[in-house]
Amino acid sequence: MNENKNVLVILSVDEVHRKLLEKNAPNAEFVYAVDREPDLQMAENANIIIGNPRRSLLKHAKKLEWLQLESAGANLYAKDGVLPENVLLTNATGSYGLVISEYMISMVLNLFLKQYLYKENQEKHLWHDEGTVKSIYGSTALILGLGDIGGEFAKRFKALGGHTIGVRRTDAQKPDFVDELYLMDKLDELLPRADVVALSLPETKETIKLIDAHKLARMKKGSILVNVGRGSAIDTNALCDALNSGHLAGAALDVTDPEPVPPDHPLWDTKNVLITPHISGGYNLPETYEKVFQLCADNLGRYFRGEELQNIVDFSTGYKKR
């Protein structure tokens, strides 16, 4: 693969990062999209794209051979007809576990210790004890999705004295950071055991509204739900009902359905819900960007050396191939 290739870079890069990319592909022609907005001509000429382009552009990318995403989620690009035939797709799985797992732990502690209630009291100038709290120590987390993010959360929850139960789509080989491991067919049996149900699932036909009214009813009374994967995994109206009725003690949502949440949506006023605008996996932590960039740069070098790429996506599942 030493012949000239046109590389379109949508990922935001400074001069230092540009030089590192170009060092890994010395025979390539690089084009950098201004303000991360490539135009039609850029897409038409690109053999390689690094970053997440608008999907509407990709139908014009007839020369495209490989798309390297800066996101871990690849489902929107793996759908039929989005990419030209025979294009290689890779994602950034492995880059986000640090920052998102710490977000998840912070949200669990916020809800367990009722810190959100004390913040509300502070705004009201109210000195009031909110009563009994919970600890991660001795609690059980049911973790749906044991990739980089779910695995890093499990490690941290376990390190704080919690019991971890992992649920995978396939592969029942148990990693050390979970105490128990099951496949998805055991979910109904496992939900009543968990103090925390943590979702880090991509969107697939199997995960859409996976947590519906039935699953929410199966959850332990007083448990909490944390979602950092895709908002579509939860039936939002059913979640509002479960929270407002007091069946669940709380929920932390960095992803929602719909997203963004419309100003008049009942989720905003639902009891004990913490909502953030899909920021847990962004670049607010500089280390996250560096992990993503290093993966992209390494894959670029591999591509031009004719080596196997990291994180090749299986179009049939939307997941990284094992």
C-alpha atoms as a PDB file:
ATOM      1  CA  MET A   1       0.000   0.000   0.000  1.00  0.00           C
ATOM      2  CA  ASN A   2       2.873   2.399  -0.741  1.00  0.00           C
ATOM      3  CA  GLU A   3       1.207   4.179  -3.644  1.00  0.00           C
ATOM      4  CA  ASN A   4      -0.074   7.713  -3.084  1.00  0.00           C
ATOM      5  CA  LYS A   5      -3.280   7.974  -1.122  1.00  0.00           C
ATOM      6  CA  ASN A   6      -5.433  10.948  -0.219  1.00  0.00           C
ATOM      7  CA  VAL A   7      -5.991  11.127   3.544  1.00  0.00           C
ATOM      8  CA  LEU A   8      -8.805  13.362   4.778  1.00  0.00           C
ATOM      9  CA  VAL A   9      -8.369  14.262   8.450  1.00  0.00           C
ATOM     10  CA  ILE A  10     -11.504  15.395  10.277  1.00  0.00           C
ATOM     11  CA  LEU A  11     -10.079  14.702  13.716  1.00  0.00           C
ATOM     12  CA  SER A  12      -8.954  17.998  15.226  1.00  0.00           C
ATOM     13  CA  VAL A  13      -5.137  18.171  15.116  1.00  0.00           C
ATOM     14  CA  ASP A  14      -2.480  20.789  15.846  1.00  0.00           C
ATOM     15  CA  GLU A  15       0.858  21.124  14.056  1.00  0.00           C
ATOM     16  CA  VAL A  16       2.577  18.549  16.281  1.00  0.00           C
ATOM     17  CA  HIS A  17      -0.124  15.957  15.656  1.00  0.00           C
ATOM     18  CA  ARG A  18      -0.123  16.687  11.932  1.00  0.00           C
ATOM     19  CA  LYS A  19       3.583  15.914  11.740  1.00  0.00           C
ATOM     20  CA  LEU A  20       3.070  12.626  13.583  1.00  0.00           C
ATOM     21  CA  LEU A  21       0.330  11.557  11.159  1.00  0.00           C
ATOM     22  CA  GLU A  22       2.382  12.533   8.126  1.00  0.00           C
ATOM     23  CA  LYS A  23       5.423  10.691   9.468  1.00  0.00           C
ATOM     24  CA  ASN A  24       3.388   7.474   9.531  1.00  0.00           C
ATOM     25  CA  ALA A  25       2.269   7.924   5.904  1.00  0.00           C
ATOM     26  CA  PRO A  26       5.112   9.762   4.102  1.00  0.00           C
ATOM     27  CA  ASN A  27       3.768   9.091   0.592  1.00  0.00           C
ATOM     28  CA  ALA A  28       0.236  10.244   1.299  1.00  0.00           C
ATOM     29  CA  GLU A  29      -1.435  13.529   0.435  1.00  0.00           C
ATOM     30  CA  PHE A  30      -3.092  14.996   3.531  1.00  0.00           C
ATOM     31  CA  VAL A  31      -6.120  17.275   3.576  1.00  0.00           C
ATOM     32  CA  TYR A  32      -7.307  18.749   6.880  1.00  0.00           C
ATOM     33  CA  ALA A  33     -10.952  19.742   7.176  1.00  0.00           C
ATOM     34  CA  VAL A  34     -11.354  23.272   8.507  1.00  0.00           C
ATOM     35  CA  ASP A  35     -13.448  23.343  11.695  1.00  0.00           C
ATOM     36  CA  ARG A  36     -13.998  19.597  11.271  1.00  0.00           C
ATOM     37  CA  GLU A  37     -16.347  20.249   8.325  1.00  0.00           C
ATOM     38  CA  PRO A  38     -15.189  18.508   5.118  1.00  0.00           C
ATOM     39  CA  ASP A  39     -16.787  19.564   1.860  1.00  0.00           C
ATOM     40  CA  LEU A  40     -18.039  17.403  -0.989  1.00  0.00           C
ATOM     41  CA  GLN A  41     -14.806  17.548  -2.993  1.00  0.00           C
ATOM     42  CA  MET A  42     -12.774  16.414   0.006  1.00  0.00           C
ATOM     43  CA  ALA A  43     -15.026  13.398   0.421  1.00  0.00           C
ATOM     44  CA  GLU A  44     -14.944  12.558  -3.295  1.00  0.00           C
ATOM     45  CA  ASN A  45     -11.126  12.511  -3.361  1.00  0.00           C
ATOM     46  CA  ALA A  46     -10.517  10.701  -0.085  1.00  0.00           C
ATOM     47  CA  ASN A  47      -9.056   7.197   0.006  1.00  0.00           C
ATOM     48  CA  ILE A  48      -8.801   7.320   3.798  1.00  0.00           C
ATOM     49  CA  ILE A  49     -10.826   9.342   6.303  1.00  0.00           C
ATOM     50  CA  ILE A  50      -9.751   9.847   9.914  1.00  0.00           C
ATOM     51  CA  GLY A  51     -12.578  11.122  12.112  1.00  0.00           C
ATOM     52  CA  ASN A  52     -16.358  11.022  12.031  1.00  0.00           C
ATOM     53  CA  PRO A  53     -17.702  12.554   8.811  1.00  0.00           C
ATOM     54  CA  ARG A  54     -21.323  13.467   8.180  1.00  0.00           C
ATOM     55  CA  ARG A  55     -22.920  10.294   6.910  1.00  0.00           C
ATOM     56  CA  SER A  56     -24.552  12.189   4.039  1.00  0.00           C
ATOM     57  CA  LEU A  57     -21.081  12.854   2.604  1.00  0.00           C
ATOM     58  CA  LEU A  58     -20.095   9.215   2.469  1.00  0.00           C
ATOM     59  CA  LYS A  59     -22.331   8.331  -0.472  1.00  0.00           C
ATOM     60  CA  HIS A  60     -20.051  10.604  -2.532  1.00  0.00           C
ATOM     61  CA  ALA A  61     -16.837   8.990  -1.250  1.00  0.00           C
ATOM     62  CA  LYS A  62     -16.469   6.579  -4.168  1.00  0.00           C
ATOM     63  CA  LYS A  63     -12.702   6.260  -3.729  1.00  0.00           C
ATOM     64  CA  LEU A  64     -12.880   5.518  -0.009  1.00  0.00           C
ATOM     65  CA  GLU A  65     -10.977   2.435   1.160  1.00  0.00           C
ATOM     66  CA  TRP A  66     -10.864   2.893   4.930  1.00  0.00           C
ATOM     67  CA  LEU A  67     -12.700   4.970   7.537  1.00  0.00           C
ATOM     68  CA  GLN A  68     -11.054   5.349  10.958  1.00  0.00           C
ATOM     69  CA  LEU A  69     -13.588   6.679  13.461  1.00  0.00           C
ATOM     70  CA  GLU A  70     -12.653   8.738  16.503  1.00  0.00           C
ATOM     71  CA  SER A  71     -15.642   7.296  18.374  1.00  0.00           C
ATOM     72  CA  ALA A  72     -16.017   3.893  19.990  1.00  0.00           C
ATOM     73  CA  GLY A  73     -19.573   3.626  18.691  1.00  0.00           C
ATOM     74  CA  ALA A  74     -19.685   2.563  15.052  1.00  0.00           C
ATOM     75  CA  ASN A  75     -23.307   1.521  14.607  1.00  0.00           C
ATOM     76  CA  LEU A  76     -24.364   4.556  12.555  1.00  0.00           C
ATOM     77  CA  TYR A  77     -21.587   3.903  10.019  1.00  0.00           C
ATOM     78  CA  ALA A  78     -22.076   0.130   9.951  1.00  0.00           C
ATOM     79  CA  LYS A  79     -25.666   0.378   8.724  1.00  0.00           C
ATOM     80  CA  ASP A  80     -26.445  -0.852   5.227  1.00  0.00           C
ATOM     81  CA  GLY A  81     -25.825   1.717   2.516  1.00  0.00           C
ATOM     82  CA  VAL A  82     -23.922   4.258   4.631  1.00  0.00           C
ATOM     83  CA  LEU A  83     -20.442   3.324   3.411  1.00  0.00           C
ATOM     84  CA  PRO A  84     -19.510   2.329  -0.137  1.00  0.00           C
ATOM     85  CA  GLU A  85     -19.050  -1.396  -0.634  1.00  0.00           C
ATOM     86  CA  ASN A  86     -15.811  -3.014   0.617  1.00  0.00           C
ATOM     87  CA  VAL A  87     -14.744  -0.054   2.763  1.00  0.00           C
ATOM     88  CA  LEU A  88     -12.802  -1.036   5.875  1.00  0.00           C
ATOM     89  CA  LEU A  89     -14.225   0.453   9.099  1.00  0.00           C
ATOM     90  CA  THR A  90     -12.295   0.818  12.369  1.00  0.00           C
ATOM     91  CA  ASN A  91     -13.333   2.494  15.609  1.00  0.00           C
ATOM     92  CA  ALA A  92     -11.634   3.973  18.681  1.00  0.00           C
ATOM     93  CA  THR A  93     -12.576   1.295  21.195  1.00  0.00           C
ATOM     94  CA  GLY A  94     -10.072   1.285  24.051  1.00  0.00           C
ATOM     95  CA  SER A  95      -9.707   5.066  24.205  1.00  0.00           C
ATOM     96  CA  TYR A  96     -12.606   5.973  26.466  1.00  0.00           C
ATOM     97  CA  GLY A  97     -12.541   3.514  29.378  1.00  0.00           C
ATOM     98  CA  LEU A  98     -10.598   5.787  31.719  1.00  0.00           C
ATOM     99  CA  VAL A  99     -12.771   8.874  31.544  1.00  0.00           C
ATOM    100  CA  ILE A 100     -16.176   7.192  31.206  1.00  0.00           C
ATOM    101  CA  SER A 101     -15.591   4.668  33.989  1.00  0.00           C
ATOM    102  CA  GLU A 102     -14.640   7.485  36.359  1.00  0.00           C
ATOM    103  CA  TYR A 103     -17.785   9.342  35.314  1.00  0.00           C
ATOM    104  CA  MET A 104     -19.818   6.229  36.126  1.00  0.00           C
ATOM    105  CA  ILE A 105     -18.221   5.835  39.564  1.00  0.00           C
ATOM    106  CA  SER A 106     -18.835   9.517  40.313  1.00  0.00           C
ATOM    107  CA  MET A 107     -22.504   9.170  39.391  1.00  0.00           C
ATOM    108  CA  VAL A 108     -22.946   6.051  41.509  1.00  0.00           C
ATOM    109  CA  LEU A 109     -21.445   7.864  44.508  1.00  0.00           C
ATOM    110  CA  ASN A 110     -23.535  10.964  43.810  1.00  0.00           C
ATOM    111  CA  LEU A 111     -26.731   8.913  43.897  1.00  0.00           C
ATOM    112  CA  PHE A 112     -25.711   6.559  46.719  1.00  0.00           C
ATOM    113  CA  LEU A 113     -24.627   9.445  48.985  1.00  0.00           C
ATOM    114  CA  LYS A 114     -27.528  11.714  47.934  1.00  0.00           C
ATOM    115  CA  GLN A 115     -25.126  14.481  46.992  1.00  0.00           C
ATOM    116  CA  TYR A 116     -27.563  15.780  44.384  1.00  0.00           C
ATOM    117  CA  LEU A 117     -30.139  16.375  47.160  1.00  0.00           C
ATOM    118  CA  TYR A 118     -27.635  18.330  49.230  1.00  0.00           C
ATOM    119  CA  LYS A 119     -26.838  20.468  46.189  1.00  0.00           C
ATOM    120  CA  GLU A 120     -30.543  21.187  45.799  1.00  0.00           C
ATOM    121  CA  ASN A 121     -30.739  22.049  49.502  1.00  0.00           C
ATOM    122  CA  GLN A 122     -27.765  24.374  49.173  1.00  0.00           C
ATOM    123  CA  GLU A 123     -29.513  26.259  46.375  1.00  0.00           C
ATOM    124  CA  LYS A 124     -32.543  26.615  48.676  1.00  0.00           C
ATOM    125  CA  HIS A 125     -30.336  27.673  51.640  1.00  0.00           C
ATOM    126  CA  LEU A 126     -31.726  24.655  53.485  1.00  0.00           C
ATOM    127  CA  TRP A 127     -29.773  22.881  56.282  1.00  0.00           C
ATOM    128  CA  HIS A 128     -31.323  19.415  56.272  1.00  0.00           C
ATOM    129  CA  ASP A 129     -30.103  15.844  56.817  1.00  0.00           C
ATOM    130  CA  GLU A 130     -31.325  13.615  53.953  1.00  0.00           C
ATOM    131  CA  GLY A 131     -30.936  10.404  55.947  1.00  0.00           C
ATOM    132  CA  THR A 132     -29.653   6.942  55.090  1.00  0.00           C
ATOM    133  CA  VAL A 133     -27.101   6.516  52.331  1.00  0.00           C
ATOM    134  CA  LYS A 134     -25.408   3.539  50.651  1.00  0.00           C
ATOM    135  CA  SER A 135     -21.828   2.481  50.010  1.00  0.00           C
ATOM    136  CA  ILE A 136     -20.238   0.839  47.002  1.00  0.00           C
ATOM    137  CA  TYR A 137     -18.581  -1.466  49.544  1.00  0.00           C
ATOM    138  CA  GLY A 138     -20.830  -4.519  49.811  1.00  0.00           C
ATOM    139  CA  SER A 139     -23.037  -3.429  46.892  1.00  0.00           C
ATOM    140  CA  THR A 140     -23.571  -5.375  43.665  1.00  0.00           C
ATOM    141  CA  ALA A 141     -23.175  -3.923  40.184  1.00  0.00           C
ATOM    142  CA  LEU A 142     -24.689  -5.632  37.158  1.00  0.00           C
ATOM    143  CA  ILE A 143     -22.651  -4.477  34.170  1.00  0.00           C
ATOM    144  CA  LEU A 144     -24.156  -4.884  30.702  1.00  0.00           C
ATOM    145  CA  GLY A 145     -21.366  -4.678  28.171  1.00  0.00           C
ATOM    146  CA  LEU A 146     -17.838  -5.680  29.188  1.00  0.00           C
ATOM    147  CA  GLY A 147     -15.790  -3.886  26.595  1.00  0.00           C
ATOM    148  CA  ASP A 148     -13.243  -1.231  27.468  1.00  0.00           C
ATOM    149  CA  ILE A 149     -15.753   0.998  29.279  1.00  0.00           C
ATOM    150  CA  GLY A 150     -17.691  -1.672  31.157  1.00  0.00           C
ATOM    151  CA  GLY A 151     -14.477  -3.464  32.056  1.00  0.00           C
ATOM    152  CA  GLU A 152     -12.827  -0.328  33.461  1.00  0.00           C
ATOM    153  CA  PHE A 153     -15.950   0.453  35.493  1.00  0.00           C
ATOM    154  CA  ALA A 154     -15.991  -3.100  36.854  1.00  0.00           C
ATOM    155  CA  LYS A 155     -12.351  -2.786  37.944  1.00  0.00           C
ATOM    156  CA  ARG A 156     -13.029   0.426  39.838  1.00  0.00           C
ATOM    157  CA  PHE A 157     -16.270  -0.780  41.423  1.00  0.00           C
ATOM    158  CA  LYS A 158     -14.572  -3.980  42.564  1.00  0.00           C
ATOM    159  CA  ALA A 159     -11.566  -2.056  43.921  1.00  0.00           C
ATOM    160  CA  LEU A 160     -13.954  -0.098  46.164  1.00  0.00           C
ATOM    161  CA  GLY A 161     -15.307  -3.307  47.679  1.00  0.00           C
ATOM    162  CA  GLY A 162     -18.256  -3.960  45.394  1.00  0.00           C
ATOM    163  CA  HIS A 163     -19.391  -7.264  43.889  1.00  0.00           C
ATOM    164  CA  THR A 164     -19.365  -7.272  40.085  1.00  0.00           C
ATOM    165  CA  ILE A 165     -21.579  -9.295  37.750  1.00  0.00           C
ATOM    166  CA  GLY A 166     -20.832  -8.999  34.059  1.00  0.00           C
ATOM    167  CA  VAL A 167     -23.201  -9.686  31.181  1.00  0.00           C
ATOM    168  CA  ARG A 168     -21.878 -10.296  27.675  1.00  0.00           C
ATOM    169  CA  ARG A 169     -23.473 -10.947  24.323  1.00  0.00           C
ATOM    170  CA  THR A 170     -21.035 -13.787  23.594  1.00  0.00           C
ATOM    171  CA  ASP A 171     -17.913 -15.343  25.128  1.00  0.00           C
ATOM    172  CA  ALA A 172     -18.455 -16.705  28.623  1.00  0.00           C
ATOM    173  CA  GLN A 173     -14.769 -16.609  29.615  1.00  0.00           C
ATOM    174  CA  LYS A 174     -14.679 -14.656  32.878  1.00  0.00           C
ATOM    175  CA  PRO A 175     -12.112 -11.864  33.275  1.00  0.00           C
ATOM    176  CA  ASP A 176     -10.586 -11.287  36.709  1.00  0.00           C
ATOM    177  CA  PHE A 177     -12.340  -7.960  37.233  1.00  0.00           C
ATOM    178  CA  VAL A 178     -15.807  -9.534  37.466  1.00  0.00           C
ATOM    179  CA  ASP A 179     -16.901 -11.931  40.182  1.00  0.00           C
ATOM    180  CA  GLU A 180     -19.548 -13.580  38.002  1.00  0.00           C
ATOM    181  CA  LEU A 181     -20.162 -13.650  34.259  1.00  0.00           C
ATOM    182  CA  TYR A 182     -23.285 -14.559  32.302  1.00  0.00           C
ATOM    183  CA  LEU A 183     -24.764 -14.184  28.834  1.00  0.00           C
ATOM    184  CA  MET A 184     -27.749 -11.966  28.059  1.00  0.00           C
ATOM    185  CA  ASP A 185     -30.291 -14.785  28.400  1.00  0.00           C
ATOM    186  CA  LYS A 186     -29.821 -14.612  32.200  1.00  0.00           C
ATOM    187  CA  LEU A 187     -30.629 -10.918  32.479  1.00  0.00           C
ATOM    188  CA  ASP A 188     -34.092 -11.287  34.031  1.00  0.00           C
ATOM    189  CA  GLU A 189     -32.667 -13.523  36.764  1.00  0.00           C
ATOM    190  CA  LEU A 190     -29.810 -11.134  37.517  1.00  0.00           C
ATOM    191  CA  LEU A 191     -31.645  -7.800  37.677  1.00  0.00           C
ATOM    192  CA  PRO A 192     -33.192  -8.359  41.146  1.00  0.00           C
ATOM    193  CA  ARG A 193     -29.713  -8.902  42.618  1.00  0.00           C
ATOM    194  CA  ALA A 194     -28.185  -5.593  41.571  1.00  0.00           C
ATOM    195  CA  ASP A 195     -27.885  -2.326  43.482  1.00  0.00           C
ATOM    196  CA  VAL A 196     -26.470  -0.734  40.324  1.00  0.00           C
ATOM    197  CA  VAL A 197     -27.309  -1.619  36.733  1.00  0.00           C
ATOM    198  CA  ALA A 198     -24.678  -0.097  34.443  1.00  0.00           C
ATOM    199  CA  LEU A 199     -25.094   0.036  30.657  1.00  0.00           C
ATOM    200  CA  SER A 200     -22.258   0.641  28.206  1.00  0.00           C
ATOM    201  CA  LEU A 201     -23.877  -0.956  25.170  1.00  0.00           C
ATOM    202  CA  PRO A 202     -23.729   0.121  21.518  1.00  0.00           C
ATOM    203  CA  GLU A 203     -26.960   0.436  19.567  1.00  0.00           C
ATOM    204  CA  THR A 204     -27.946  -2.779  17.807  1.00  0.00           C
ATOM    205  CA  LYS A 205     -31.308  -4.338  17.069  1.00  0.00           C
ATOM    206  CA  GLU A 206     -30.859  -6.448  20.221  1.00  0.00           C
ATOM    207  CA  THR A 207     -30.161  -3.485  22.520  1.00  0.00           C
ATOM    208  CA  ILE A 208     -32.915  -1.078  21.444  1.00  0.00           C
ATOM    209  CA  LYS A 209     -35.258  -0.700  24.453  1.00  0.00           C
ATOM    210  CA  LEU A 210     -33.524  -3.606  26.148  1.00  0.00           C
ATOM    211  CA  ILE A 211     -34.395  -1.990  29.474  1.00  0.00           C
ATOM    212  CA  ASP A 212     -38.168  -1.745  29.119  1.00  0.00           C
ATOM    213  CA  ALA A 213     -40.963  -1.616  31.696  1.00  0.00           C
ATOM    214  CA  HIS A 214     -40.626  -5.348  32.359  1.00  0.00           C
ATOM    215  CA  LYS A 215     -36.863  -5.140  32.981  1.00  0.00           C
ATOM    216  CA  LEU A 216     -37.248  -2.050  35.161  1.00  0.00           C
ATOM    217  CA  ALA A 217     -39.838  -3.874  37.258  1.00  0.00           C
ATOM    218  CA  ARG A 218     -37.374  -6.743  37.683  1.00  0.00           C
ATOM    219  CA  MET A 219     -34.745  -4.396  39.122  1.00  0.00           C
ATOM    220  CA  LYS A 220     -34.314  -4.344  42.898  1.00  0.00           C
ATOM    221  CA  LYS A 221     -36.424  -1.708  44.650  1.00  0.00           C
ATOM    222  CA  GLY A 222     -34.137   1.169  45.568  1.00  0.00           C
ATOM    223  CA  SER A 223     -31.508   0.330  42.952  1.00  0.00           C
ATOM    224  CA  ILE A 224     -30.031   2.793  40.451  1.00  0.00           C
ATOM    225  CA  LEU A 225     -29.478   2.758  36.699  1.00  0.00           C
ATOM    226  CA  VAL A 226     -26.451   4.268  34.914  1.00  0.00           C
ATOM    227  CA  ASN A 227     -26.317   4.564  31.114  1.00  0.00           C
ATOM    228  CA  VAL A 228     -23.283   5.721  29.123  1.00  0.00           C
ATOM    229  CA  GLY A 229     -23.789   3.631  25.966  1.00  0.00           C
ATOM    230  CA  ARG A 230     -26.756   4.632  23.834  1.00  0.00           C
ATOM    231  CA  GLY A 231     -29.998   6.225  25.011  1.00  0.00           C
ATOM    232  CA  SER A 232     -32.021   3.850  22.868  1.00  0.00           C
ATOM    233  CA  ALA A 233     -31.192   0.992  25.255  1.00  0.00           C
ATOM    234  CA  ILE A 234     -33.790   2.326  27.726  1.00  0.00           C
ATOM    235  CA  ASP A 235     -37.512   2.931  27.325  1.00  0.00           C
ATOM    236  CA  THR A 236     -37.461   6.535  28.571  1.00  0.00           C
ATOM    237  CA  ASN A 237     -41.146   6.763  29.460  1.00  0.00           C
ATOM    238  CA  ALA A 238     -40.956   3.528  31.438  1.00  0.00           C
ATOM    239  CA  LEU A 239     -37.874   4.828  33.246  1.00  0.00           C
ATOM    240  CA  CYS A 240     -39.692   8.028  34.208  1.00  0.00           C
ATOM    241  CA  ASP A 241     -42.505   5.919  35.662  1.00  0.00           C
ATOM    242  CA  ALA A 242     -40.082   3.699  37.605  1.00  0.00           C
ATOM    243  CA  LEU A 243     -38.339   6.728  39.108  1.00  0.00           C
ATOM    244  CA  ASN A 244     -41.447   8.756  39.897  1.00  0.00           C
ATOM    245  CA  SER A 245     -43.094   5.758  41.555  1.00  0.00           C
ATOM    246  CA  GLY A 246     -40.082   5.301  43.846  1.00  0.00           C
ATOM    247  CA  HIS A 247     -39.287   1.812  42.570  1.00  0.00           C
ATOM    248  CA  LEU A 248     -35.835   3.004  41.486  1.00  0.00           C
ATOM    249  CA  ALA A 249     -33.783   5.255  43.757  1.00  0.00           C
ATOM    250  CA  GLY A 250     -32.159   7.113  40.880  1.00  0.00           C
ATOM    251  CA  ALA A 251     -30.680   7.136  37.401  1.00  0.00           C
ATOM    252  CA  ALA A 252     -27.647   8.761  35.792  1.00  0.00           C
ATOM    253  CA  LEU A 253     -27.909   9.306  32.048  1.00  0.00           C
ATOM    254  CA  ASP A 254     -25.148  10.633  29.835  1.00  0.00           C
ATOM    255  CA  VAL A 255     -27.135   9.384  26.828  1.00  0.00           C
ATOM    256  CA  THR A 256     -30.873   9.692  26.342  1.00  0.00           C
ATOM    257  CA  ASP A 257     -33.719   8.844  24.009  1.00  0.00           C
ATOM    258  CA  PRO A 258     -34.536  11.319  22.545  1.00  0.00           C
ATOM    259  CA  GLU A 259     -31.173  13.084  22.411  1.00  0.00           C
ATOM    260  CA  PRO A 260     -30.862  15.907  23.096  1.00  0.00           C
ATOM    261  CA  VAL A 261     -33.762  15.938  25.528  1.00  0.00           C
ATOM    262  CA  PRO A 262     -36.390  18.459  24.342  1.00  0.00           C
ATOM    263  CA  PRO A 263     -37.014  21.326  26.804  1.00  0.00           C
ATOM    264  CA  ASP A 264     -40.577  20.157  27.526  1.00  0.00           C
ATOM    265  CA  HIS A 265     -39.756  16.456  27.962  1.00  0.00           C
ATOM    266  CA  PRO A 266     -40.918  14.906  31.267  1.00  0.00           C
ATOM    267  CA  LEU A 267     -37.464  13.391  31.838  1.00  0.00           C
ATOM    268  CA  TRP A 268     -36.181  16.813  32.982  1.00  0.00           C
ATOM    269  CA  ASP A 269     -38.618  16.833  35.904  1.00  0.00           C
ATOM    270  CA  THR A 270     -38.403  13.160  36.800  1.00  0.00           C
ATOM    271  CA  LYS A 271     -37.395  12.371  40.389  1.00  0.00           C
ATOM    272  CA  ASN A 272     -33.758  11.573  41.192  1.00  0.00           C
ATOM    273  CA  VAL A 273     -32.399  11.611  37.656  1.00  0.00           C
ATOM    274  CA  LEU A 274     -29.001  13.093  36.765  1.00  0.00           C
ATOM    275  CA  ILE A 275     -28.649  14.091  33.101  1.00  0.00           C
ATOM    276  CA  THR A 276     -25.476  15.142  31.295  1.00  0.00           C
ATOM    277  CA  PRO A 277     -25.343  16.055  27.578  1.00  0.00           C
ATOM    278  CA  HIS A 278     -23.373  13.078  26.196  1.00  0.00           C
ATOM    279  CA  ILE A 279     -20.073  14.436  27.474  1.00  0.00           C
ATOM    280  CA  SER A 280     -18.575  11.557  29.462  1.00  0.00           C
ATOM    281  CA  GLY A 281     -16.666  10.294  26.431  1.00  0.00           C
ATOM    282  CA  GLY A 282     -15.686  13.618  24.917  1.00  0.00           C
ATOM    283  CA  TYR A 283     -12.309  15.321  24.922  1.00  0.00           C
ATOM    284  CA  ASN A 284     -12.800  17.289  28.136  1.00  0.00           C
ATOM    285  CA  LEU A 285     -10.102  15.021  29.599  1.00  0.00           C
ATOM    286  CA  PRO A 286      -6.985  15.627  27.459  1.00  0.00           C
ATOM    287  CA  GLU A 287      -5.798  12.046  27.952  1.00  0.00           C
ATOM    288  CA  THR A 288      -8.840  10.826  26.038  1.00  0.00           C
ATOM    289  CA  TYR A 289      -7.893  12.795  22.941  1.00  0.00           C
ATOM    290  CA  GLU A 290      -4.318  11.530  23.131  1.00  0.00           C
ATOM    291  CA  LYS A 291      -5.507   7.930  23.315  1.00  0.00           C
ATOM    292  CA  VAL A 292      -7.751   8.447  20.276  1.00  0.00           C
ATOM    293  CA  PHE A 293      -5.031  10.208  18.309  1.00  0.00           C
ATOM    294  CA  GLN A 294      -2.388   7.582  19.066  1.00  0.00           C
ATOM    295  CA  LEU A 295      -4.748   4.839  17.918  1.00  0.00           C
ATOM    296  CA  CYS A 296      -5.493   6.690  14.664  1.00  0.00           C
ATOM    297  CA  ALA A 297      -1.821   7.390  14.014  1.00  0.00           C
ATOM    298  CA  ASP A 298      -0.804   3.817  14.771  1.00  0.00           C
ATOM    299  CA  ASN A 299      -3.498   2.429  12.465  1.00  0.00           C
ATOM    300  CA  LEU A 300      -2.415   4.808   9.729  1.00  0.00           C
ATOM    301  CA  GLY A 301       1.116   3.426   9.929  1.00  0.00           C
ATOM    302  CA  ARG A 302      -0.206  -0.121   9.925  1.00  0.00           C
ATOM    303  CA  TYR A 303      -2.309   0.597   6.837  1.00  0.00           C
ATOM    304  CA  PHE A 304       0.629   1.872   4.816  1.00  0.00           C
ATOM    305  CA  ARG A 305       2.825  -1.003   5.970  1.00  0.00           C
ATOM    306  CA  GLY A 306       0.168  -3.496   4.933  1.00  0.00           C
ATOM    307  CA  GLU A 307      -0.350  -4.744   8.507  1.00  0.00           C
ATOM    308  CA  GLU A 308      -3.610  -5.715  10.182  1.00  0.00           C
ATOM    309  CA  LEU A 309      -5.444  -2.752  11.692  1.00  0.00           C
ATOM    310  CA  GLN A 310      -6.655  -2.477  15.248  1.00  0.00           C
ATOM    311  CA  ASN A 311     -10.390  -2.303  16.031  1.00  0.00           C
ATOM    312  CA  ILE A 312     -11.831  -3.559  12.740  1.00  0.00           C
ATOM    313  CA  VAL A 313     -15.624  -3.345  12.972  1.00  0.00           C
ATOM    314  CA  ASP A 314     -17.868  -6.265  12.090  1.00  0.00           C
ATOM    315  CA  PHE A 315     -20.648  -4.739   9.959  1.00  0.00           C
ATOM    316  CA  SER A 316     -23.091  -7.483  10.960  1.00  0.00           C
ATOM    317  CA  THR A 317     -22.934  -6.560  14.653  1.00  0.00           C
ATOM    318  CA  GLY A 318     -21.533  -3.020  14.851  1.00  0.00           C
ATOM    319  CA  TYR A 319     -18.966  -4.304  17.350  1.00  0.00           C
ATOM    320  CA  LYS A 320     -15.206  -4.574  17.050  1.00  0.00           C
ATOM    321  CA  LYS A 321     -14.207  -7.976  15.747  1.00  0.00           C
ATOM    322  CA  ARG A 322     -12.689 -10.159  18.440  1.00  0.00           C
END
